[in-house]
């Protein structure tokens, strides 16, 4: 098993984070088996490209919602890690559980 589950949509509310906002979230390690994907399909071009992270964030984007970790962006990074037999990825994790309990905003 690579991921906890494979989903096909984002079950959490829109958070409104921009690319700049995501860059302010410190990356941390997550086990692949903790992650639920939000996409069922993978673009092989993105998986096989040498420069797949050249134009984007180096880290995957994950949203924690109701105790679950949802992979919002970076499916190709996660699959590449699994193919290289790595059990963890570095990801920026937005914790909507903490934000909703503190009354804060996502940004």
PDB file of N, CA and C in Angstrom:
ATOM      1  N   UNK A   1       0.853  -1.186   0.000  1.00  0.00           N
ATOM      2  CA  UNK A   1       0.000   0.000   0.000  1.00  0.00           C
ATOM      3  C   UNK A   1       0.889   1.237   0.000  1.00  0.00           C
ATOM      4  N   UNK A   2       0.612   2.159  -0.907  1.00  0.00           N
ATOM      5  CA  UNK A   2       1.404   3.389  -0.982  1.00  0.00           C
ATOM      6  C   UNK A   2       0.737   4.484  -0.162  1.00  0.00           C
ATOM      7  N   UNK A   3      -0.526   4.761  -0.450  1.00  0.00           N
ATOM      8  CA  UNK A   3      -1.279   5.822   0.222  1.00  0.00           C
ATOM      9  C   UNK A   3      -2.324   5.211   1.156  1.00  0.00           C
ATOM     10  N   UNK A   4      -2.804   6.024   2.085  1.00  0.00           N
ATOM     11  CA  UNK A   4      -3.874   5.572   2.967  1.00  0.00           C
ATOM     12  C   UNK A   4      -5.126   5.278   2.157  1.00  0.00           C
ATOM     13  N   UNK A   5      -5.395   6.169   1.189  1.00  0.00           N
ATOM     14  CA  UNK A   5      -6.566   6.022   0.333  1.00  0.00           C
ATOM     15  C   UNK A   5      -6.379   6.875  -0.908  1.00  0.00           C
ATOM     16  N   UNK A   6      -7.119   6.533  -1.959  1.00  0.00           N
ATOM     17  CA  UNK A   6      -7.097   7.319  -3.190  1.00  0.00           C
ATOM     18  C   UNK A   6      -8.459   7.964  -3.350  1.00  0.00           C
ATOM     19  N   UNK A   7      -8.478   9.291  -3.298  1.00  0.00           N
ATOM     20  CA  UNK A   7      -9.718  10.028  -3.465  1.00  0.00           C
ATOM     21  C   UNK A   7      -9.792  10.662  -4.837  1.00  0.00           C
ATOM     22  N   UNK A   8     -10.905  11.314  -5.117  1.00  0.00           N
ATOM     23  CA  UNK A   8     -11.056  11.973  -6.409  1.00  0.00           C
ATOM     24  C   UNK A   8     -11.581  13.400  -6.288  1.00  0.00           C
ATOM     25  N   UNK A   9     -11.549  13.945  -5.071  1.00  0.00           N
ATOM     26  CA  UNK A   9     -12.022  15.320  -4.857  1.00  0.00           C
ATOM     27  C   UNK A   9     -11.454  15.832  -3.536  1.00  0.00           C
ATOM     28  N   UNK A  10     -11.586  17.123  -3.346  1.00  0.00           N
ATOM     29  CA  UNK A  10     -11.162  17.754  -2.091  1.00  0.00           C
ATOM     30  C   UNK A  10     -12.356  17.809  -1.151  1.00  0.00           C
ATOM     31  N   UNK A  11     -12.338  17.047  -0.050  1.00  0.00           N
ATOM     32  CA  UNK A  11     -13.487  17.036   0.860  1.00  0.00           C
ATOM     33  C   UNK A  11     -13.497  18.204   1.839  1.00  0.00           C
ATOM     34  N   UNK A  12     -12.478  19.006   1.828  1.00  0.00           N
ATOM     35  CA  UNK A  12     -12.355  20.113   2.773  1.00  0.00           C
ATOM     36  C   UNK A  12     -12.795  21.417   2.100  1.00  0.00           C
ATOM     37  N   UNK A  13     -13.153  22.417   2.916  1.00  0.00           N
ATOM     38  CA  UNK A  13     -13.585  23.701   2.350  1.00  0.00           C
ATOM     39  C   UNK A  13     -12.413  24.434   1.682  1.00  0.00           C
ATOM     40  N   UNK A  14     -12.727  25.318   0.781  1.00  0.00           N
ATOM     41  CA  UNK A  14     -11.707  26.129   0.092  1.00  0.00           C
ATOM     42  C   UNK A  14     -10.936  26.934   1.126  1.00  0.00           C
ATOM     43  N   UNK A  15      -9.630  26.895   1.037  1.00  0.00           N
ATOM     44  CA  UNK A  15      -8.805  27.598   2.021  1.00  0.00           C
ATOM     45  C   UNK A  15      -8.291  28.934   1.503  1.00  0.00           C
ATOM     46  N   UNK A  16      -8.226  29.115   0.212  1.00  0.00           N
ATOM     47  CA  UNK A  16      -7.852  30.398  -0.363  1.00  0.00           C
ATOM     48  C   UNK A  16      -6.373  30.737  -0.322  1.00  0.00           C
ATOM     49  N   UNK A  17      -5.513  29.762  -0.048  1.00  0.00           N
ATOM     50  CA  UNK A  17      -4.077  30.051  -0.010  1.00  0.00           C
ATOM     51  C   UNK A  17      -3.523  30.251  -1.415  1.00  0.00           C
ATOM     52  N   UNK A  18      -2.716  31.281  -1.568  1.00  0.00           N
ATOM     53  CA  UNK A  18      -2.025  31.531  -2.834  1.00  0.00           C
ATOM     54  C   UNK A  18      -0.685  30.808  -2.798  1.00  0.00           C
ATOM     55  N   UNK A  19       0.028  30.825  -3.903  1.00  0.00           N
ATOM     56  CA  UNK A  19       1.361  30.231  -3.953  1.00  0.00           C
ATOM     57  C   UNK A  19       2.264  30.890  -2.922  1.00  0.00           C
ATOM     58  N   UNK A  20       2.150  32.197  -2.775  1.00  0.00           N
ATOM     59  CA  UNK A  20       2.952  32.922  -1.787  1.00  0.00           C
ATOM     60  C   UNK A  20       2.595  32.490  -0.371  1.00  0.00           C
ATOM     61  N   UNK A  21       1.305  32.307  -0.096  1.00  0.00           N
ATOM     62  CA  UNK A  21       0.869  31.849   1.225  1.00  0.00           C
ATOM     63  C   UNK A  21       1.428  30.459   1.535  1.00  0.00           C
ATOM     64  N   UNK A  22       1.376  29.566   0.562  1.00  0.00           N
ATOM     65  CA  UNK A  22       1.909  28.216   0.763  1.00  0.00           C
ATOM     66  C   UNK A  22       3.394  28.266   1.083  1.00  0.00           C
ATOM     67  N   UNK A  23       4.116  29.169   0.457  1.00  0.00           N
ATOM     68  CA  UNK A  23       5.570  29.232   0.673  1.00  0.00           C
ATOM     69  C   UNK A  23       5.917  29.617   2.115  1.00  0.00           C
ATOM     70  N   UNK A  24       4.967  30.171   2.842  1.00  0.00           N
ATOM     71  CA  UNK A  24       5.194  30.555   4.238  1.00  0.00           C
ATOM     72  C   UNK A  24       4.933  29.403   5.224  1.00  0.00           C
ATOM     73  N   UNK A  25       4.379  28.298   4.713  1.00  0.00           N
ATOM     74  CA  UNK A  25       4.111  27.129   5.552  1.00  0.00           C
ATOM     75  C   UNK A  25       5.371  26.268   5.559  1.00  0.00           C
ATOM     76  N   UNK A  26       5.923  26.041   6.732  1.00  0.00           N
ATOM     77  CA  UNK A  26       7.165  25.262   6.850  1.00  0.00           C
ATOM     78  C   UNK A  26       6.926  23.809   6.452  1.00  0.00           C
ATOM     79  N   UNK A  27       7.825  23.236   5.651  1.00  0.00           N
ATOM     80  CA  UNK A  27       7.676  21.828   5.274  1.00  0.00           C
ATOM     81  C   UNK A  27       8.001  20.889   6.429  1.00  0.00           C
ATOM     82  N   UNK A  28       7.396  19.727   6.396  1.00  0.00           N
ATOM     83  CA  UNK A  28       7.659  18.678   7.378  1.00  0.00           C
ATOM     84  C   UNK A  28       7.529  17.323   6.692  1.00  0.00           C
ATOM     85  N   UNK A  29       7.964  16.299   7.359  1.00  0.00           N
ATOM     86  CA  UNK A  29       7.878  14.962   6.788  1.00  0.00           C
ATOM     87  C   UNK A  29       6.533  14.328   7.096  1.00  0.00           C
ATOM     88  N   UNK A  30       6.012  13.622   6.095  1.00  0.00           N
ATOM     89  CA  UNK A  30       4.776  12.850   6.259  1.00  0.00           C
ATOM     90  C   UNK A  30       4.997  11.466   5.664  1.00  0.00           C
ATOM     91  N   UNK A  31       4.475  10.470   6.326  1.00  0.00           N
ATOM     92  CA  UNK A  31       4.518   9.118   5.768  1.00  0.00           C
ATOM     93  C   UNK A  31       3.494   9.025   4.639  1.00  0.00           C
ATOM     94  N   UNK A  32       3.862   8.374   3.552  1.00  0.00           N
ATOM     95  CA  UNK A  32       2.945   8.215   2.425  1.00  0.00           C
ATOM     96  C   UNK A  32       1.675   7.483   2.848  1.00  0.00           C
ATOM     97  N   UNK A  33       1.801   6.555   3.784  1.00  0.00           N
ATOM     98  CA  UNK A  33       0.641   5.778   4.224  1.00  0.00           C
ATOM     99  C   UNK A  33      -0.351   6.586   5.062  1.00  0.00           C
ATOM    100  N   UNK A  34      -0.016   7.827   5.395  1.00  0.00           N
ATOM    101  CA  UNK A  34      -0.937   8.713   6.120  1.00  0.00           C
ATOM    102  C   UNK A  34      -1.773   9.574   5.172  1.00  0.00           C
ATOM    103  N   UNK A  35      -1.401   9.588   3.893  1.00  0.00           N
ATOM    104  CA  UNK A  35      -1.941  10.554   2.938  1.00  0.00           C
ATOM    105  C   UNK A  35      -3.088   9.968   2.115  1.00  0.00           C
ATOM    106  N   UNK A  36      -4.107  10.793   1.927  1.00  0.00           N
ATOM    107  CA  UNK A  36      -5.216  10.486   1.025  1.00  0.00           C
ATOM    108  C   UNK A  36      -5.069  11.413  -0.177  1.00  0.00           C
ATOM    109  N   UNK A  37      -5.057  10.854  -1.367  1.00  0.00           N
ATOM    110  CA  UNK A  37      -4.921  11.694  -2.557  1.00  0.00           C
ATOM    111  C   UNK A  37      -6.255  12.368  -2.878  1.00  0.00           C
ATOM    112  N   UNK A  38      -6.194  13.469  -3.596  1.00  0.00           N
ATOM    113  CA  UNK A  38      -7.417  14.145  -4.046  1.00  0.00           C
ATOM    114  C   UNK A  38      -7.562  14.038  -5.562  1.00  0.00           C
ATOM    115  N   UNK A  39      -6.688  13.253  -6.174  1.00  0.00           N
ATOM    116  CA  UNK A  39      -6.744  13.004  -7.627  1.00  0.00           C
ATOM    117  C   UNK A  39      -6.575  11.514  -7.863  1.00  0.00           C
ATOM    118  N   UNK A  40      -7.343  10.990  -8.796  1.00  0.00           N
ATOM    119  CA  UNK A  40      -7.238   9.577  -9.147  1.00  0.00           C
ATOM    120  C   UNK A  40      -6.263   9.333 -10.288  1.00  0.00           C
ATOM    121  N   UNK A  41      -5.957  10.364 -11.051  1.00  0.00           N
ATOM    122  CA  UNK A  41      -5.101  10.181 -12.217  1.00  0.00           C
ATOM    123  C   UNK A  41      -3.808  10.951 -12.063  1.00  0.00           C
ATOM    124  N   UNK A  42      -2.781  10.454 -12.715  1.00  0.00           N
ATOM    125  CA  UNK A  42      -1.453  11.047 -12.659  1.00  0.00           C
ATOM    126  C   UNK A  42      -0.999  11.344 -14.078  1.00  0.00           C
ATOM    127  N   UNK A  43      -0.488  12.525 -14.288  1.00  0.00           N
ATOM    128  CA  UNK A  43       0.066  12.908 -15.580  1.00  0.00           C
ATOM    129  C   UNK A  43       1.469  12.322 -15.682  1.00  0.00           C
ATOM    130  N   UNK A  44       1.653  11.349 -16.557  1.00  0.00           N
ATOM    131  CA  UNK A  44       2.954  10.706 -16.690  1.00  0.00           C
ATOM    132  C   UNK A  44       4.046  11.675 -17.101  1.00  0.00           C
ATOM    133  N   UNK A  45       3.704  12.690 -17.883  1.00  0.00           N
ATOM    134  CA  UNK A  45       4.701  13.706 -18.247  1.00  0.00           C
ATOM    135  C   UNK A  45       5.268  14.373 -16.998  1.00  0.00           C
ATOM    136  N   UNK A  46       4.401  14.677 -16.036  1.00  0.00           N
ATOM    137  CA  UNK A  46       4.856  15.315 -14.794  1.00  0.00           C
ATOM    138  C   UNK A  46       5.708  14.349 -13.975  1.00  0.00           C
ATOM    139  N   UNK A  47       5.335  13.069 -13.972  1.00  0.00           N
ATOM    140  CA  UNK A  47       6.091  12.083 -13.211  1.00  0.00           C
ATOM    141  C   UNK A  47       7.492  11.880 -13.788  1.00  0.00           C
ATOM    142  N   UNK A  48       7.579  11.833 -15.101  1.00  0.00           N
ATOM    143  CA  UNK A  48       8.844  11.492 -15.750  1.00  0.00           C
ATOM    144  C   UNK A  48       9.731  12.688 -16.081  1.00  0.00           C
ATOM    145  N   UNK A  49       9.204  13.890 -15.972  1.00  0.00           N
ATOM    146  CA  UNK A  49       9.980  15.080 -16.335  1.00  0.00           C
ATOM    147  C   UNK A  49      11.118  15.319 -15.350  1.00  0.00           C
ATOM    148  N   UNK A  50      12.290  15.633 -15.893  1.00  0.00           N
ATOM    149  CA  UNK A  50      13.445  15.943 -15.045  1.00  0.00           C
ATOM    150  C   UNK A  50      13.247  17.241 -14.274  1.00  0.00           C
ATOM    151  N   UNK A  51      12.500  18.171 -14.854  1.00  0.00           N
ATOM    152  CA  UNK A  51      12.320  19.488 -14.239  1.00  0.00           C
ATOM    153  C   UNK A  51      10.910  19.666 -13.670  1.00  0.00           C
ATOM    154  N   UNK A  52      10.324  18.591 -13.155  1.00  0.00           N
ATOM    155  CA  UNK A  52       8.920  18.648 -12.723  1.00  0.00           C
ATOM    156  C   UNK A  52       8.675  19.643 -11.597  1.00  0.00           C
ATOM    157  N   UNK A  53       9.692  19.974 -10.828  1.00  0.00           N
ATOM    158  CA  UNK A  53       9.503  20.947  -9.753  1.00  0.00           C
ATOM    159  C   UNK A  53      10.155  22.285 -10.075  1.00  0.00           C
ATOM    160  N   UNK A  54      10.680  22.417 -11.270  1.00  0.00           N
ATOM    161  CA  UNK A  54      11.404  23.631 -11.633  1.00  0.00           C
ATOM    162  C   UNK A  54      10.517  24.874 -11.558  1.00  0.00           C
ATOM    163  N   UNK A  55       9.286  24.762 -12.024  1.00  0.00           N
ATOM    164  CA  UNK A  55       8.397  25.928 -12.069  1.00  0.00           C
ATOM    165  C   UNK A  55       7.445  26.014 -10.885  1.00  0.00           C
ATOM    166  N   UNK A  56       7.493  25.038  -9.999  1.00  0.00           N
ATOM    167  CA  UNK A  56       6.575  25.046  -8.873  1.00  0.00           C
ATOM    168  C   UNK A  56       7.307  24.933  -7.552  1.00  0.00           C
ATOM    169  N   UNK A  57       6.561  24.657  -6.538  1.00  0.00           N
ATOM    170  CA  UNK A  57       7.099  24.481  -5.195  1.00  0.00           C
ATOM    171  C   UNK A  57       7.882  23.169  -5.142  1.00  0.00           C
ATOM    172  N   UNK A  58       8.951  23.147  -4.398  1.00  0.00           N
ATOM    173  CA  UNK A  58       9.729  21.914  -4.236  1.00  0.00           C
ATOM    174  C   UNK A  58       9.008  20.906  -3.352  1.00  0.00           C
ATOM    175  N   UNK A  59       8.036  21.380  -2.566  1.00  0.00           N
ATOM    176  CA  UNK A  59       7.347  20.528  -1.610  1.00  0.00           C
ATOM    177  C   UNK A  59       5.892  20.314  -2.010  1.00  0.00           C
ATOM    178  N   UNK A  60       5.388  19.138  -1.707  1.00  0.00           N
ATOM    179  CA  UNK A  60       3.974  18.847  -1.929  1.00  0.00           C
ATOM    180  C   UNK A  60       3.126  19.705  -0.989  1.00  0.00           C
ATOM    181  N   UNK A  61       1.875  19.911  -1.357  1.00  0.00           N
ATOM    182  CA  UNK A  61       0.936  20.659  -0.519  1.00  0.00           C
ATOM    183  C   UNK A  61      -0.104  19.689   0.019  1.00  0.00           C
ATOM    184  N   UNK A  62      -0.224  19.661   1.348  1.00  0.00           N
ATOM    185  CA  UNK A  62      -1.142  18.752   2.025  1.00  0.00           C
ATOM    186  C   UNK A  62      -2.036  19.573   2.947  1.00  0.00           C
ATOM    187  N   UNK A  63      -3.314  19.213   2.981  1.00  0.00           N
ATOM    188  CA  UNK A  63      -4.268  19.870   3.868  1.00  0.00           C
ATOM    189  C   UNK A  63      -4.733  18.848   4.903  1.00  0.00           C
ATOM    190  N   UNK A  64      -4.580  19.200   6.183  1.00  0.00           N
ATOM    191  CA  UNK A  64      -5.095  18.346   7.253  1.00  0.00           C
ATOM    192  C   UNK A  64      -6.498  18.831   7.578  1.00  0.00           C
ATOM    193  N   UNK A  65      -7.463  17.922   7.473  1.00  0.00           N
ATOM    194  CA  UNK A  65      -8.859  18.267   7.699  1.00  0.00           C
ATOM    195  C   UNK A  65      -9.539  17.093   8.395  1.00  0.00           C
ATOM    196  N   UNK A  66     -10.118  17.369   9.561  1.00  0.00           N
ATOM    197  CA  UNK A  66     -10.800  16.348  10.358  1.00  0.00           C
ATOM    198  C   UNK A  66      -9.889  15.150  10.624  1.00  0.00           C
ATOM    199  N   UNK A  67      -8.631  15.469  10.928  1.00  0.00           N
ATOM    200  CA  UNK A  67      -7.679  14.439  11.316  1.00  0.00           C
ATOM    201  C   UNK A  67      -7.040  13.665  10.178  1.00  0.00           C
ATOM    202  N   UNK A  68      -7.417  13.955   8.943  1.00  0.00           N
ATOM    203  CA  UNK A  68      -6.873  13.253   7.777  1.00  0.00           C
ATOM    204  C   UNK A  68      -5.983  14.197   6.969  1.00  0.00           C
ATOM    205  N   UNK A  69      -4.993  13.623   6.298  1.00  0.00           N
ATOM    206  CA  UNK A  69      -4.065  14.396   5.470  1.00  0.00           C
ATOM    207  C   UNK A  69      -4.405  14.186   3.997  1.00  0.00           C
ATOM    208  N   UNK A  70      -4.766  15.280   3.315  1.00  0.00           N
ATOM    209  CA  UNK A  70      -5.162  15.225   1.907  1.00  0.00           C
ATOM    210  C   UNK A  70      -4.086  15.873   1.032  1.00  0.00           C
ATOM    211  N   UNK A  71      -3.608  15.127   0.055  1.00  0.00           N
ATOM    212  CA  UNK A  71      -2.585  15.605  -0.862  1.00  0.00           C
ATOM    213  C   UNK A  71      -3.252  16.469  -1.928  1.00  0.00           C
ATOM    214  N   UNK A  72      -3.080  17.778  -1.793  1.00  0.00           N
ATOM    215  CA  UNK A  72      -3.710  18.713  -2.720  1.00  0.00           C
ATOM    216  C   UNK A  72      -2.878  18.915  -3.984  1.00  0.00           C
ATOM    217  N   UNK A  73      -1.567  18.987  -3.820  1.00  0.00           N
ATOM    218  CA  UNK A  73      -0.675  19.208  -4.957  1.00  0.00           C
ATOM    219  C   UNK A  73       0.609  18.429  -4.717  1.00  0.00           C
ATOM    220  N   UNK A  74       1.095  17.755  -5.745  1.00  0.00           N
ATOM    221  CA  UNK A  74       2.348  17.020  -5.621  1.00  0.00           C
ATOM    222  C   UNK A  74       2.202  15.517  -5.736  1.00  0.00           C
ATOM    223  N   UNK A  75       1.137  15.057  -6.395  1.00  0.00           N
ATOM    224  CA  UNK A  75       0.949  13.623  -6.552  1.00  0.00           C
ATOM    225  C   UNK A  75       2.145  12.989  -7.255  1.00  0.00           C
ATOM    226  N   UNK A  76       2.685  13.669  -8.260  1.00  0.00           N
ATOM    227  CA  UNK A  76       3.837  13.103  -8.973  1.00  0.00           C
ATOM    228  C   UNK A  76       5.057  12.979  -8.057  1.00  0.00           C
ATOM    229  N   UNK A  77       5.228  13.919  -7.130  1.00  0.00           N
ATOM    230  CA  UNK A  77       6.339  13.830  -6.173  1.00  0.00           C
ATOM    231  C   UNK A  77       6.165  12.623  -5.248  1.00  0.00           C
ATOM    232  N   UNK A  78       4.932  12.419  -4.790  1.00  0.00           N
ATOM    233  CA  UNK A  78       4.650  11.314  -3.877  1.00  0.00           C
ATOM    234  C   UNK A  78       4.831   9.962  -4.568  1.00  0.00           C
ATOM    235  N   UNK A  79       4.359   9.844  -5.794  1.00  0.00           N
ATOM    236  CA  UNK A  79       4.515   8.585  -6.528  1.00  0.00           C
ATOM    237  C   UNK A  79       5.989   8.341  -6.842  1.00  0.00           C
ATOM    238  N   UNK A  80       6.697   9.387  -7.214  1.00  0.00           N
ATOM    239  CA  UNK A  80       8.138   9.248  -7.473  1.00  0.00           C
ATOM    240  C   UNK A  80       8.859   8.766  -6.211  1.00  0.00           C
ATOM    241  N   UNK A  81       8.507   9.309  -5.053  1.00  0.00           N
ATOM    242  CA  UNK A  81       9.116   8.867  -3.792  1.00  0.00           C
ATOM    243  C   UNK A  81       8.826   7.383  -3.558  1.00  0.00           C
ATOM    244  N   UNK A  82       7.582   6.963  -3.798  1.00  0.00           N
ATOM    245  CA  UNK A  82       7.225   5.552  -3.614  1.00  0.00           C
ATOM    246  C   UNK A  82       8.010   4.657  -4.569  1.00  0.00           C
ATOM    247  N   UNK A  83       8.169   5.088  -5.811  1.00  0.00           N
ATOM    248  CA  UNK A  83       8.935   4.297  -6.783  1.00  0.00           C
ATOM    249  C   UNK A  83      10.397   4.174  -6.374  1.00  0.00           C
ATOM    250  N   UNK A  84      10.899   5.159  -5.647  1.00  0.00           N
ATOM    251  CA  UNK A  84      12.273   5.127  -5.163  1.00  0.00           C
ATOM    252  C   UNK A  84      12.359   4.455  -3.786  1.00  0.00           C
ATOM    253  N   UNK A  85      11.269   3.820  -3.377  1.00  0.00           N
ATOM    254  CA  UNK A  85      11.157   3.084  -2.124  1.00  0.00           C
ATOM    255  C   UNK A  85      11.367   3.957  -0.888  1.00  0.00           C
ATOM    256  N   UNK A  86      11.001   5.234  -1.002  1.00  0.00           N
ATOM    257  CA  UNK A  86      11.003   6.117   0.168  1.00  0.00           C
ATOM    258  C   UNK A  86       9.610   6.084   0.770  1.00  0.00           C
ATOM    259  N   UNK A  87       9.534   6.054   2.074  1.00  0.00           N
ATOM    260  CA  UNK A  87       8.253   5.942   2.771  1.00  0.00           C
ATOM    261  C   UNK A  87       7.698   7.294   3.213  1.00  0.00           C
ATOM    262  N   UNK A  88       8.503   8.350   3.093  1.00  0.00           N
ATOM    263  CA  UNK A  88       8.072   9.677   3.523  1.00  0.00           C
ATOM    264  C   UNK A  88       8.323  10.693   2.413  1.00  0.00           C
ATOM    265  N   UNK A  89       7.574  11.785   2.471  1.00  0.00           N
ATOM    266  CA  UNK A  89       7.827  12.937   1.606  1.00  0.00           C
ATOM    267  C   UNK A  89       7.876  14.178   2.489  1.00  0.00           C
ATOM    268  N   UNK A  90       8.499  15.201   1.975  1.00  0.00           N
ATOM    269  CA  UNK A  90       8.477  16.504   2.631  1.00  0.00           C
ATOM    270  C   UNK A  90       7.327  17.288   2.022  1.00  0.00           C
ATOM    271  N   UNK A  91       6.475  17.818   2.867  1.00  0.00           N
ATOM    272  CA  UNK A  91       5.293  18.530   2.399  1.00  0.00           C
ATOM    273  C   UNK A  91       5.001  19.725   3.291  1.00  0.00           C
ATOM    274  N   UNK A  92       4.389  20.719   2.688  1.00  0.00           N
ATOM    275  CA  UNK A  92       3.852  21.847   3.445  1.00  0.00           C
ATOM    276  C   UNK A  92       2.445  21.429   3.873  1.00  0.00           C
ATOM    277  N   UNK A  93       2.173  21.467   5.169  1.00  0.00           N
ATOM    278  CA  UNK A  93       0.892  20.992   5.686  1.00  0.00           C
ATOM    279  C   UNK A  93       0.097  22.153   6.262  1.00  0.00           C
ATOM    280  N   UNK A  94      -1.048  22.410   5.655  1.00  0.00           N
ATOM    281  CA  UNK A  94      -1.984  23.411   6.168  1.00  0.00           C
ATOM    282  C   UNK A  94      -2.976  22.682   7.065  1.00  0.00           C
ATOM    283  N   UNK A  95      -3.010  23.014   8.350  1.00  0.00           N
ATOM    284  CA  UNK A  95      -3.871  22.333   9.311  1.00  0.00           C
ATOM    285  C   UNK A  95      -5.168  23.118   9.480  1.00  0.00           C
ATOM    286  N   UNK A  96      -6.190  22.718   8.738  1.00  0.00           N
ATOM    287  CA  UNK A  96      -7.484  23.401   8.846  1.00  0.00           C
ATOM    288  C   UNK A  96      -8.169  23.105  10.167  1.00  0.00           C
ATOM    289  N   UNK A  97      -7.829  21.977  10.805  1.00  0.00           N
ATOM    290  CA  UNK A  97      -8.397  21.667  12.121  1.00  0.00           C
ATOM    291  C   UNK A  97      -7.993  22.715  13.153  1.00  0.00           C
ATOM    292  N   UNK A  98      -6.719  23.099  13.149  1.00  0.00           N
ATOM    293  CA  UNK A  98      -6.224  24.109  14.086  1.00  0.00           C
ATOM    294  C   UNK A  98      -6.827  25.468  13.741  1.00  0.00           C
ATOM    295  N   UNK A  99      -6.868  25.793  12.466  1.00  0.00           N
ATOM    296  CA  UNK A  99      -7.397  27.101  12.055  1.00  0.00           C
ATOM    297  C   UNK A  99      -8.865  27.252  12.416  1.00  0.00           C
ATOM    298  N   UNK A 100      -9.656  26.202  12.235  1.00  0.00           N
ATOM    299  CA  UNK A 100     -11.081  26.304  12.539  1.00  0.00           C
ATOM    300  C   UNK A 100     -11.337  26.358  14.045  1.00  0.00           C
ATOM    301  N   UNK A 101     -10.503  25.661  14.835  1.00  0.00           N
ATOM    302  CA  UNK A 101     -10.710  25.685  16.285  1.00  0.00           C
ATOM    303  C   UNK A 101     -10.232  26.993  16.912  1.00  0.00           C
ATOM    304  N   UNK A 102      -9.273  27.667  16.247  1.00  0.00           N
ATOM    305  CA  UNK A 102      -8.773  28.936  16.793  1.00  0.00           C
ATOM    306  C   UNK A 102      -9.516  30.137  16.222  1.00  0.00           C
ATOM    307  N   UNK A 103     -10.393  29.859  15.237  1.00  0.00           N
ATOM    308  CA  UNK A 103     -11.135  30.965  14.627  1.00  0.00           C
ATOM    309  C   UNK A 103     -10.304  31.778  13.663  1.00  0.00           C
ATOM    310  N   UNK A 104      -9.114  31.261  13.320  1.00  0.00           N
ATOM    311  CA  UNK A 104      -8.219  31.968  12.405  1.00  0.00           C
ATOM    312  C   UNK A 104      -8.636  31.789  10.964  1.00  0.00           C
ATOM    313  N   UNK A 105      -7.943  32.485  10.107  1.00  0.00           N
ATOM    314  CA  UNK A 105      -8.190  32.345   8.683  1.00  0.00           C
ATOM    315  C   UNK A 105      -7.092  31.494   8.074  1.00  0.00           C
ATOM    316  N   UNK A 106      -7.345  30.992   6.902  1.00  0.00           N
ATOM    317  CA  UNK A 106      -6.400  30.088   6.252  1.00  0.00           C
ATOM    318  C   UNK A 106      -5.147  30.792   5.775  1.00  0.00           C
ATOM    319  N   UNK A 107      -5.224  32.053   5.514  1.00  0.00           N
ATOM    320  CA  UNK A 107      -4.063  32.757   4.941  1.00  0.00           C
ATOM    321  C   UNK A 107      -3.105  33.243   5.975  1.00  0.00           C
TER     322      UNK A 107
END
